[in-house]
C-alpha cells in the first residue's frame, strides 16, 4: 500500500457512498461499508475516485483480489447492472469533482 499513489479524498469517499446508497455489489444498505478497489491493488489498482466502490464486509472479503466481473458471475450477482451503474456514477462524480478543482476565471 505504501508504495502505491492513492488520491481518494474523504469528500470523494462520502460522495461514492451517497451515490451508491449501499454495497455496490449486493446492494446491502444496512451494513457498514468499506472501500473496495474494483481493480485490486495487487493487480495495479489504486485508491482513486475511478477505482473505489463501497462494499459490505462480506462482499469485500469474498472478492478479495479477484477480477470483478468474474467474481460477480461466480457470486451470481448482476454484472451488467454493476458495470452500468459504476460507469454512470463515475461519470457524474468525475464531472462534479473536476468542476470543484477547476480554477474560476
C-alpha atoms as a PDB file:
ATOM      1  CA  UNK A   1       0.000   0.000   0.000  1.00  0.00           C
ATOM      2  CA  UNK A   2       2.738   2.471   0.913  1.00  0.00           C
ATOM      3  CA  UNK A   3       4.404   2.078  -2.497  1.00  0.00           C
ATOM      4  CA  UNK A   4       1.229   2.972  -4.411  1.00  0.00           C
ATOM      5  CA  UNK A   5      -0.038   6.522  -5.011  1.00  0.00           C
ATOM      6  CA  UNK A   6      -3.590   6.943  -3.706  1.00  0.00           C
ATOM      7  CA  UNK A   7      -5.623  10.126  -4.129  1.00  0.00           C
ATOM      8  CA  UNK A   8      -9.166   9.370  -2.939  1.00  0.00           C
ATOM      9  CA  UNK A   9     -10.244  12.231  -0.685  1.00  0.00           C
ATOM     10  CA  UNK A  10     -12.645  11.943   2.223  1.00  0.00           C
ATOM     11  CA  UNK A  11     -15.122  14.079   0.302  1.00  0.00           C
ATOM     12  CA  UNK A  12     -14.937  11.736  -2.685  1.00  0.00           C
ATOM     13  CA  UNK A  13     -15.434   8.681  -0.456  1.00  0.00           C
ATOM     14  CA  UNK A  14     -18.531  10.294   1.059  1.00  0.00           C
ATOM     15  CA  UNK A  15     -19.863  11.086  -2.417  1.00  0.00           C
ATOM     16  CA  UNK A  16     -19.296   7.483  -3.536  1.00  0.00           C
ATOM     17  CA  UNK A  17     -21.179   6.116  -0.539  1.00  0.00           C
ATOM     18  CA  UNK A  18     -24.057   8.510  -1.141  1.00  0.00           C
ATOM     19  CA  UNK A  19     -24.215   7.784  -4.875  1.00  0.00           C
ATOM     20  CA  UNK A  20     -24.281   4.001  -4.408  1.00  0.00           C
ATOM     21  CA  UNK A  21     -26.609   4.067  -1.398  1.00  0.00           C
ATOM     22  CA  UNK A  22     -25.205   0.781  -0.099  1.00  0.00           C
ATOM     23  CA  UNK A  23     -22.897  -2.001  -1.192  1.00  0.00           C
ATOM     24  CA  UNK A  24     -22.012  -1.565  -4.855  1.00  0.00           C
ATOM     25  CA  UNK A  25     -22.111  -5.317  -5.343  1.00  0.00           C
ATOM     26  CA  UNK A  26     -25.040  -6.762  -3.381  1.00  0.00           C
ATOM     27  CA  UNK A  27     -26.927  -3.550  -2.565  1.00  0.00           C
ATOM     28  CA  UNK A  28     -26.942  -4.063   1.223  1.00  0.00           C
ATOM     29  CA  UNK A  29     -27.757  -0.689   2.754  1.00  0.00           C
ATOM     30  CA  UNK A  30     -27.956  -1.735   6.395  1.00  0.00           C
ATOM     31  CA  UNK A  31     -24.291  -2.632   6.943  1.00  0.00           C
ATOM     32  CA  UNK A  32     -21.094  -0.604   7.419  1.00  0.00           C
ATOM     33  CA  UNK A  33     -19.271  -0.038   4.133  1.00  0.00           C
ATOM     34  CA  UNK A  34     -15.612  -0.480   3.306  1.00  0.00           C
ATOM     35  CA  UNK A  35     -13.534   0.896   0.452  1.00  0.00           C
ATOM     36  CA  UNK A  36     -13.071  -1.783  -2.198  1.00  0.00           C
ATOM     37  CA  UNK A  37     -10.810  -1.479  -5.220  1.00  0.00           C
ATOM     38  CA  UNK A  38     -12.635  -2.604  -8.360  1.00  0.00           C
ATOM     39  CA  UNK A  39      -9.185  -3.395  -9.763  1.00  0.00           C
ATOM     40  CA  UNK A  40      -7.293  -4.822  -6.780  1.00  0.00           C
ATOM     41  CA  UNK A  41      -4.089  -3.138  -5.644  1.00  0.00           C
ATOM     42  CA  UNK A  42      -2.281  -6.434  -6.279  1.00  0.00           C
ATOM     43  CA  UNK A  43      -3.408  -6.129  -9.917  1.00  0.00           C
ATOM     44  CA  UNK A  44      -2.312  -2.482 -10.294  1.00  0.00           C
ATOM     45  CA  UNK A  45      -5.333  -0.691  -8.816  1.00  0.00           C
ATOM     46  CA  UNK A  46      -5.218   2.350  -6.546  1.00  0.00           C
ATOM     47  CA  UNK A  47      -7.467   4.168  -4.085  1.00  0.00           C
ATOM     48  CA  UNK A  48      -8.894   6.645  -6.589  1.00  0.00           C
ATOM     49  CA  UNK A  49     -12.334   8.009  -7.371  1.00  0.00           C
ATOM     50  CA  UNK A  50     -12.498   5.837 -10.506  1.00  0.00           C
ATOM     51  CA  UNK A  51     -11.416   2.601  -8.785  1.00  0.00           C
ATOM     52  CA  UNK A  52     -13.142   2.578  -5.385  1.00  0.00           C
ATOM     53  CA  UNK A  53     -16.666   1.431  -4.619  1.00  0.00           C
ATOM     54  CA  UNK A  54     -18.380   0.973  -1.261  1.00  0.00           C
ATOM     55  CA  UNK A  55     -18.692  -2.696  -0.305  1.00  0.00           C
ATOM     56  CA  UNK A  56     -20.092  -4.531   2.676  1.00  0.00           C
ATOM     57  CA  UNK A  57     -17.562  -6.627   4.591  1.00  0.00           C
ATOM     58  CA  UNK A  58     -18.969  -9.881   3.191  1.00  0.00           C
ATOM     59  CA  UNK A  59     -18.562  -8.791  -0.444  1.00  0.00           C
ATOM     60  CA  UNK A  60     -15.187  -7.135   0.141  1.00  0.00           C
ATOM     61  CA  UNK A  61     -13.812 -10.235   1.858  1.00  0.00           C
ATOM     62  CA  UNK A  62     -15.280 -12.600  -0.724  1.00  0.00           C
ATOM     63  CA  UNK A  63     -13.995 -10.603  -3.693  1.00  0.00           C
ATOM     64  CA  UNK A  64     -10.507 -10.263  -2.196  1.00  0.00           C
ATOM     65  CA  UNK A  65      -8.259  -9.538  -5.198  1.00  0.00           C
ATOM     66  CA  UNK A  66     -10.415 -11.315  -7.796  1.00  0.00           C
ATOM     67  CA  UNK A  67     -11.222  -9.704 -11.128  1.00  0.00           C
ATOM     68  CA  UNK A  68     -14.572  -8.014 -10.539  1.00  0.00           C
ATOM     69  CA  UNK A  69     -16.638  -9.359 -13.448  1.00  0.00           C
ATOM     70  CA  UNK A  70     -15.577 -12.967 -12.912  1.00  0.00           C
ATOM     71  CA  UNK A  71     -16.301 -12.639  -9.194  1.00  0.00           C
ATOM     72  CA  UNK A  72     -19.746 -11.125  -9.869  1.00  0.00           C
ATOM     73  CA  UNK A  73     -20.582 -14.044 -12.156  1.00  0.00           C
ATOM     74  CA  UNK A  74     -19.407 -16.639  -9.638  1.00  0.00           C
ATOM     75  CA  UNK A  75     -21.491 -14.987  -6.906  1.00  0.00           C
ATOM     76  CA  UNK A  76     -24.474 -14.791  -9.285  1.00  0.00           C
ATOM     77  CA  UNK A  77     -24.666 -11.020  -8.867  1.00  0.00           C
ATOM     78  CA  UNK A  78     -25.830  -8.850 -11.760  1.00  0.00           C
ATOM     79  CA  UNK A  79     -22.650  -7.974 -13.648  1.00  0.00           C
ATOM     80  CA  UNK A  80     -24.406  -5.778 -16.217  1.00  0.00           C
ATOM     81  CA  UNK A  81     -26.223  -3.723 -13.587  1.00  0.00           C
ATOM     82  CA  UNK A  82     -22.990  -3.178 -11.636  1.00  0.00           C
ATOM     83  CA  UNK A  83     -20.993  -2.135 -14.710  1.00  0.00           C
ATOM     84  CA  UNK A  84     -23.662   0.268 -15.998  1.00  0.00           C
ATOM     85  CA  UNK A  85     -24.177   1.847 -12.597  1.00  0.00           C
ATOM     86  CA  UNK A  86     -20.435   2.050 -11.935  1.00  0.00           C
ATOM     87  CA  UNK A  87     -19.908   3.831 -15.242  1.00  0.00           C
ATOM     88  CA  UNK A  88     -22.738   6.298 -14.604  1.00  0.00           C
ATOM     89  CA  UNK A  89     -21.631   7.103 -11.058  1.00  0.00           C
ATOM     90  CA  UNK A  90     -18.013   7.509 -12.156  1.00  0.00           C
ATOM     91  CA  UNK A  91     -19.044   9.876 -14.942  1.00  0.00           C
ATOM     92  CA  UNK A  92     -21.201  12.006 -12.632  1.00  0.00           C
ATOM     93  CA  UNK A  93     -18.598  12.191  -9.885  1.00  0.00           C
ATOM     94  CA  UNK A  94     -15.730  12.884 -12.295  1.00  0.00           C
ATOM     95  CA  UNK A  95     -17.660  15.873 -13.632  1.00  0.00           C
ATOM     96  CA  UNK A  96     -18.565  17.023 -10.127  1.00  0.00           C
ATOM     97  CA  UNK A  97     -15.023  16.835  -8.763  1.00  0.00           C
ATOM     98  CA  UNK A  98     -13.444  18.271 -11.928  1.00  0.00           C
ATOM     99  CA  UNK A  99     -15.704  21.307 -11.536  1.00  0.00           C
ATOM    100  CA  UNK A 100     -14.662  21.693  -7.903  1.00  0.00           C
ATOM    101  CA  UNK A 101     -10.965  21.649  -8.788  1.00  0.00           C
ATOM    102  CA  UNK A 102     -11.207  23.910 -11.862  1.00  0.00           C
ATOM    103  CA  UNK A 103      -9.900  27.453 -11.402  1.00  0.00           C
ATOM    104  CA  UNK A 104     -12.565  30.133 -11.600  1.00  0.00           C
ATOM    105  CA  UNK A 105     -11.755  32.777 -14.253  1.00  0.00           C
END
